[in-house]
Structure formats: structure tokens, C-alpha cells
N, C-alpha and C. Protein backbone atom coordinates (compact mmCIF):
# COMPACT_ATOMS: atom_id res chain seq x y z
N UNK A 1 0.56 -0.99 0.06
CA UNK A 1 -0.09 -0.53 0.12
C UNK A 1 0.62 1.11 0.13
N UNK A 2 0.94 2.45 -1.03
CA UNK A 2 1.40 3.62 -0.58
C UNK A 2 0.56 4.78 0.22
N UNK A 3 2.07 5.25 0.88
CA UNK A 3 1.32 6.27 1.80
C UNK A 3 0.48 7.19 1.18
N UNK A 4 -1.00 7.15 1.81
CA UNK A 4 -2.02 8.48 1.07
C UNK A 4 -2.88 7.56 0.58
N UNK A 5 -2.61 6.30 0.05
CA UNK A 5 -3.77 5.33 -0.42
C UNK A 5 -4.75 4.67 0.64
N UNK A 6 -5.77 4.65 0.40
CA UNK A 6 -6.69 3.28 1.08
C UNK A 6 -6.21 2.18 -0.03
N UNK A 7 -6.42 1.19 2.02
CA UNK A 7 -5.78 0.09 1.80
C UNK A 7 -7.12 -0.71 1.62
N UNK A 8 -7.48 -2.07 1.05
CA UNK A 8 -8.04 -3.28 0.55
C UNK A 8 -8.91 -3.24 2.20
N UNK A 9 -10.72 -3.64 1.97
CA UNK A 9 -11.56 -4.18 2.89
C UNK A 9 -10.96 -5.13 3.68
N UNK A 10 -11.27 -4.73 5.06
CA UNK A 10 -11.11 -6.42 5.55
C UNK A 10 -11.47 -6.53 6.55
N UNK A 11 -11.50 -7.62 7.26
CA UNK A 11 -12.74 -7.50 8.30
C UNK A 11 -12.21 -7.15 9.39
N UNK A 12 -12.84 -6.35 10.04
CA UNK A 12 -12.51 -6.10 11.29
C UNK A 12 -11.44 -6.57 12.15
N UNK A 13 -10.80 -6.94 12.66
CA UNK A 13 -9.70 -7.51 13.66
C UNK A 13 -10.58 -6.78 15.85
N UNK A 14 -9.88 -8.20 16.63
CA UNK A 14 -9.93 -7.32 18.21
C UNK A 14 -9.48 -5.84 18.38
N UNK A 15 -8.22 -5.87 17.55
CA UNK A 15 -7.20 -4.14 17.67
C UNK A 15 -8.02 -2.87 16.72
N UNK A 16 -8.89 -3.59 15.86
CA UNK A 16 -10.14 -2.56 15.21
C UNK A 16 -11.74 -2.38 16.15
N UNK A 17 -11.70 -3.74 16.63
CA UNK A 17 -13.06 -3.52 17.45
C UNK A 17 -12.25 -2.27 19.28
N UNK A 18 -11.05 -2.35 19.72
CA UNK A 18 -10.57 -1.51 20.57
C UNK A 18 -10.64 -0.48 20.77
N UNK A 19 -10.49 -0.14 19.53
CA UNK A 19 -10.13 1.14 18.84
C UNK A 19 -11.37 2.00 18.49
N UNK A 20 -12.36 1.04 18.07
CA UNK A 20 -13.95 1.57 18.03
C UNK A 20 -14.74 2.02 19.35
N UNK A 21 -13.94 1.00 20.42
CA UNK A 21 -14.53 1.29 21.81
C UNK A 21 -14.31 1.98 22.31
N UNK A 22 -12.81 2.57 21.89
CA UNK A 22 -12.42 3.86 22.51
C UNK A 22 -12.91 5.06 22.57
N UNK A 23 -12.97 5.64 20.80
CA UNK A 23 -14.37 6.53 20.18
C UNK A 23 -15.61 6.24 20.65
N UNK A 24 -16.15 5.80 20.89
CA UNK A 24 -17.73 4.96 21.31
C UNK A 24 -18.55 6.23 22.07
N UNK A 25 -17.39 7.01 22.89
CA UNK A 25 -17.74 7.97 23.55
C UNK A 25 -18.17 9.30 22.73
N UNK A 26 -16.97 9.78 21.81
CA UNK A 26 -17.11 10.85 21.13
C UNK A 26 -18.07 10.81 20.03
N UNK A 27 -18.34 9.58 19.70
CA UNK A 27 -19.03 9.68 18.39
C UNK A 27 -20.79 9.84 18.95
N UNK A 28 -20.72 8.98 20.63
CA UNK A 28 -22.02 9.31 20.95
C UNK A 28 -22.25 10.45 21.46
N UNK A 29 -21.73 11.78 21.63
CA UNK A 29 -21.38 12.71 21.98
C UNK A 29 -22.02 14.20 20.99
N UNK A 30 -20.98 13.20 20.05
CA UNK A 30 -21.86 13.81 18.43
C UNK A 30 -22.67 13.70 18.47
N UNK A 31 -23.37 12.38 17.93
CA UNK A 31 -24.68 12.64 17.85
C UNK A 31 -26.14 12.26 18.49
N UNK A 32 -25.45 13.11 20.19
CA UNK A 32 -26.17 12.99 20.97
C UNK A 32 -27.29 11.75 21.23
N UNK A 33 -26.52 10.36 21.13
CA UNK A 33 -27.13 9.42 21.13
C UNK A 33 -26.52 8.48 21.72
N UNK A 34 -27.16 7.35 22.52
CA UNK A 34 -26.56 6.24 23.08
C UNK A 34 -26.05 4.99 22.43
N UNK A 35 -26.14 3.94 22.30
CA UNK A 35 -26.06 3.16 21.51
C UNK A 35 -25.49 2.10 21.75
N UNK A 36 -26.48 0.71 21.94
CA UNK A 36 -25.94 -0.70 22.96
C UNK A 36 -25.10 -1.82 22.05
N UNK A 37 -25.99 -1.03 20.71
CA UNK A 37 -25.04 -2.30 20.08
C UNK A 37 -23.65 -1.54 19.21
N UNK A 38 -22.01 -1.72 19.13
CA UNK A 38 -21.18 -0.96 18.36
C UNK A 38 -19.92 -1.61 18.29
N UNK A 39 -20.45 -2.41 17.18
CA UNK A 39 -19.69 -3.35 16.61
C UNK A 39 -18.71 -3.24 15.19
N UNK A 40 -17.66 -3.14 15.39
CA UNK A 40 -16.73 -2.81 14.09
C UNK A 40 -17.46 -4.27 13.13
N UNK A 41 -17.31 -3.92 11.40
CA UNK A 41 -17.77 -4.46 11.17
C UNK A 41 -16.07 -5.38 9.58
N UNK A 42 -16.18 -3.92 9.04
CA UNK A 42 -14.73 -4.38 8.15
C UNK A 42 -14.39 -2.65 8.71
N UNK A 43 -12.88 -2.10 7.82
CA UNK A 43 -11.94 -1.36 8.18
C UNK A 43 -11.51 -1.41 6.82
N UNK A 44 -10.42 -0.29 6.72
CA UNK A 44 -9.89 0.25 5.56
C UNK A 44 -8.82 1.62 6.31
N UNK A 45 -7.59 1.43 5.80
CA UNK A 45 -6.17 2.35 6.53
C UNK A 45 -5.90 3.00 5.67
N UNK A 46 -5.10 3.81 6.20
CA UNK A 46 -4.51 5.26 5.19
C UNK A 46 -3.64 5.82 5.93
N UNK A 47 -2.42 5.37 5.47
CA UNK A 47 -1.44 6.15 6.32
C UNK A 47 -0.60 7.14 5.95
N UNK A 48 -1.18 7.88 7.47
CA UNK A 48 -0.22 9.56 6.85
C UNK A 48 0.48 9.91 7.64
N UNK A 49 0.37 10.87 8.44
CA UNK A 49 2.01 11.04 9.79
C UNK A 49 0.68 10.21 11.02
N UNK A 50 0.22 9.12 10.78
CA UNK A 50 0.04 8.24 11.59
C UNK A 50 -0.81 7.79 10.78
N UNK A 51 -2.28 7.06 11.48
CA UNK A 51 -3.01 6.36 10.48
C UNK A 51 -4.41 6.62 10.27
N UNK A 52 -4.93 6.69 9.68
CA UNK A 52 -6.50 6.85 9.62
C UNK A 52 -7.65 5.29 9.71
N UNK A 53 -8.02 5.29 10.19
CA UNK A 53 -8.95 4.04 9.82
C UNK A 53 -10.70 4.37 9.36
N UNK A 54 -10.76 3.77 8.69
CA UNK A 54 -12.15 4.31 8.03
C UNK A 54 -12.83 2.76 8.16
N UNK A 55 -13.58 3.30 9.27
CA UNK A 55 -14.15 2.02 10.35
C UNK A 55 -16.18 1.81 10.46
N UNK A 56 -16.21 0.65 9.43
CA UNK A 56 -18.05 0.12 9.57
C UNK A 56 -18.75 -0.48 10.79
N UNK A 57 -19.94 -0.02 11.39
CA UNK A 57 -19.86 -0.31 12.88
C UNK A 57 -20.88 -0.15 12.82
N UNK A 58 -22.17 -1.67 13.14
CA UNK A 58 -23.12 -1.43 13.16
C UNK A 58 -23.68 -1.06 14.45
N UNK A 59 -24.31 0.25 14.61
CA UNK A 59 -25.38 0.65 15.90
C UNK A 59 -26.35 0.24 16.32
N UNK A 60 -27.77 -1.02 15.25
CA UNK A 60 -28.20 -1.17 15.61
C UNK A 60 -28.64 -2.14 14.81
N UNK A 61 -29.17 -2.88 14.95
CA UNK A 61 -30.01 -3.95 14.25
C UNK A 61 -30.03 -4.47 13.04
N UNK A 62 -30.18 -2.93 12.13
CA UNK A 62 -29.87 -2.67 10.52
C UNK A 62 -29.13 -1.16 10.85
N UNK A 63 -28.87 -0.78 11.22
CA UNK A 63 -28.30 0.54 11.23
C UNK A 63 -26.60 0.83 10.97
N UNK A 64 -25.69 1.15 10.01
CA UNK A 64 -24.46 0.95 9.99
C UNK A 64 -24.12 2.86 10.11
N UNK A 65 -22.61 2.77 11.21
CA UNK A 65 -22.20 4.31 10.49
C UNK A 65 -20.70 4.04 10.06
N UNK A 66 -19.74 5.56 9.25
CA UNK A 66 -19.64 4.80 9.03
C UNK A 66 -18.46 5.91 9.77
N UNK A 67 -17.00 5.40 9.98
CA UNK A 67 -16.07 6.30 11.35
C UNK A 67 -14.87 6.68 10.51
N UNK A 68 -14.23 7.74 10.44
CA UNK A 68 -13.00 7.83 9.99
C UNK A 68 -12.08 8.14 11.82
N UNK A 69 -11.00 7.25 11.67
CA UNK A 69 -10.65 7.62 12.79
C UNK A 69 -8.92 7.68 12.92
N UNK A 70 -8.58 8.79 13.63
CA UNK A 70 -6.83 9.05 13.44
C UNK A 70 -6.22 8.17 14.52
N UNK A 71 -5.11 7.23 14.41
CA UNK A 71 -4.26 7.36 15.60
C UNK A 71 -2.62 7.32 14.99
N UNK A 72 -2.42 8.74 16.09
CA UNK A 72 -1.06 9.46 16.17
C UNK A 72 -0.03 7.91 15.68
N UNK A 73 1.96 8.44 15.62
CA UNK A 73 1.77 7.25 15.79
C UNK A 73 2.17 7.16 17.51
N UNK A 74 2.82 6.27 17.38
CA UNK A 74 2.85 5.36 19.09
C UNK A 74 4.47 6.69 19.93
N UNK A 75 5.03 6.97 19.57
CA UNK A 75 5.71 8.14 20.60
C UNK A 75 4.80 9.01 20.17
N UNK A 76 4.23 9.51 19.78
CA UNK A 76 3.60 10.69 20.36
C UNK A 76 2.26 10.38 21.42
N UNK A 77 1.98 8.80 21.68
CA UNK A 77 1.47 8.32 22.89
C UNK A 77 0.44 9.21 23.73
N UNK A 78 -0.80 9.32 22.01
CA UNK A 78 -2.35 10.11 22.20
C UNK A 78 -3.22 8.60 22.05
N UNK A 79 -4.37 8.01 22.21
CA UNK A 79 -5.27 7.47 21.85
C UNK A 79 -5.92 7.53 20.66
N UNK A 80 -7.22 7.33 20.02
CA UNK A 80 -7.51 7.41 18.50
C UNK A 80 -8.42 8.65 19.32
N UNK A 81 -8.44 9.36 17.83
CA UNK A 81 -9.66 10.69 18.15
C UNK A 81 -10.59 10.67 16.91
N UNK A 82 -11.86 10.93 17.03
CA UNK A 82 -12.88 10.52 15.89
C UNK A 82 -12.68 11.48 14.80
N UNK A 83 -12.51 12.20 13.38
CA UNK A 83 -12.34 12.70 13.08
C UNK A 83 -13.22 13.28 12.30
N UNK A 84 -14.35 12.13 11.67
CA UNK A 84 -15.40 12.21 10.81
C UNK A 84 -16.22 10.81 11.06
N UNK A 85 -17.54 11.32 10.78
CA UNK A 85 -18.67 9.74 10.85
C UNK A 85 -19.44 10.41 9.53
N UNK A 86 -20.10 9.00 9.07
CA UNK A 86 -21.63 9.55 8.53
C UNK A 86 -22.33 8.31 9.24
N UNK A 87 -23.72 8.96 9.37
CA UNK A 87 -24.78 7.74 9.70
C UNK A 87 -25.42 7.71 8.97
N UNK A 88 -26.47 6.77 8.52
CA UNK A 88 -27.14 6.36 8.03
C UNK A 88 -27.04 5.26 7.23
N UNK A 89 -26.01 4.50 7.67
CA UNK A 89 -25.20 3.93 6.24
C UNK A 89 -25.87 2.06 6.61
N UNK A 90 -25.63 1.00 5.47
CA UNK A 90 -26.51 -0.17 4.97
C UNK A 90 -25.00 -0.63 5.66
N UNK A 91 -25.81 -2.38 5.61
CA UNK A 91 -24.40 -3.84 5.85
C UNK A 91 -23.75 -3.18 4.49
N UNK A 92 -24.85 -2.60 2.89
CA UNK A 92 -23.89 -3.10 1.49
C UNK A 92 -23.34 -1.88 1.16
N UNK A 93 -23.46 -0.72 1.96
CA UNK A 93 -22.71 0.62 1.77
C UNK A 93 -21.01 0.45 1.21
N UNK A 94 -20.25 1.09 0.13
CA UNK A 94 -19.02 0.17 0.90
C UNK A 94 -18.46 1.94 1.59
N UNK A 95 -17.22 1.11 2.09
CA UNK A 95 -16.63 2.03 2.88
C UNK A 95 -15.47 2.63 1.97
N UNK A 96 -15.65 3.66 1.81
CA UNK A 96 -14.84 5.16 1.01
C UNK A 96 -14.25 6.15 1.92
N UNK A 97 -13.73 6.48 0.66
CA UNK A 97 -12.57 8.24 1.48
C UNK A 97 -13.89 8.71 1.88
N UNK A 98 -13.89 9.97 2.90
CA UNK A 98 -14.64 11.16 3.22
C UNK A 98 -13.67 11.49 4.18
């Protein structure tokens, strides 16, 4: 993968779910709603000065959200931060750059 380009879509891993768990409070604060379900489904990455994660998250039985999460370089010692999100997505919507 070239720096700046998006990786192929991959199934979510426990590491990606951990990232999603860490940004859940940021997401819920922005949408002003809590979610009992917050499950990472698939993801893509983009190498920048750190890593952007584009993650499809199931937020209810039939609704999904796409999250863009920035993870800084390890030496910066900062947790992931929610950069942007898209709600109203479906299981079949492609995960693209936003």
C-alpha cells in the first residue's frame, strides 16, 4: 500500500474493535445518542502522519455508521480520535474515503 492511499477492505480485528470502543464516547457525544450495539464490521486504513482508520460500525440491528478515526504515531502517546463520521449507512454501503 502506498502512503496516502486506502488499503483494501478487511474484516474487523480485535485491535480495530478496541479502537472503536475507545472512540464510542466521542461518537455518542456528537450524535447525542447512546448505542447498545457498537460493533466494528470492516475497515480500511490510510497511512498519513499516523493512520486513518475508516471503519464500518453496526449501531443497531439494521443501521450502520462509517467512522474515520485518526491514530497518531506511537511516540506521540495519544489515543485514537474520531475525525469524522457518516450515519444512516447500510450493511452494503461501500466504505470509501470521506
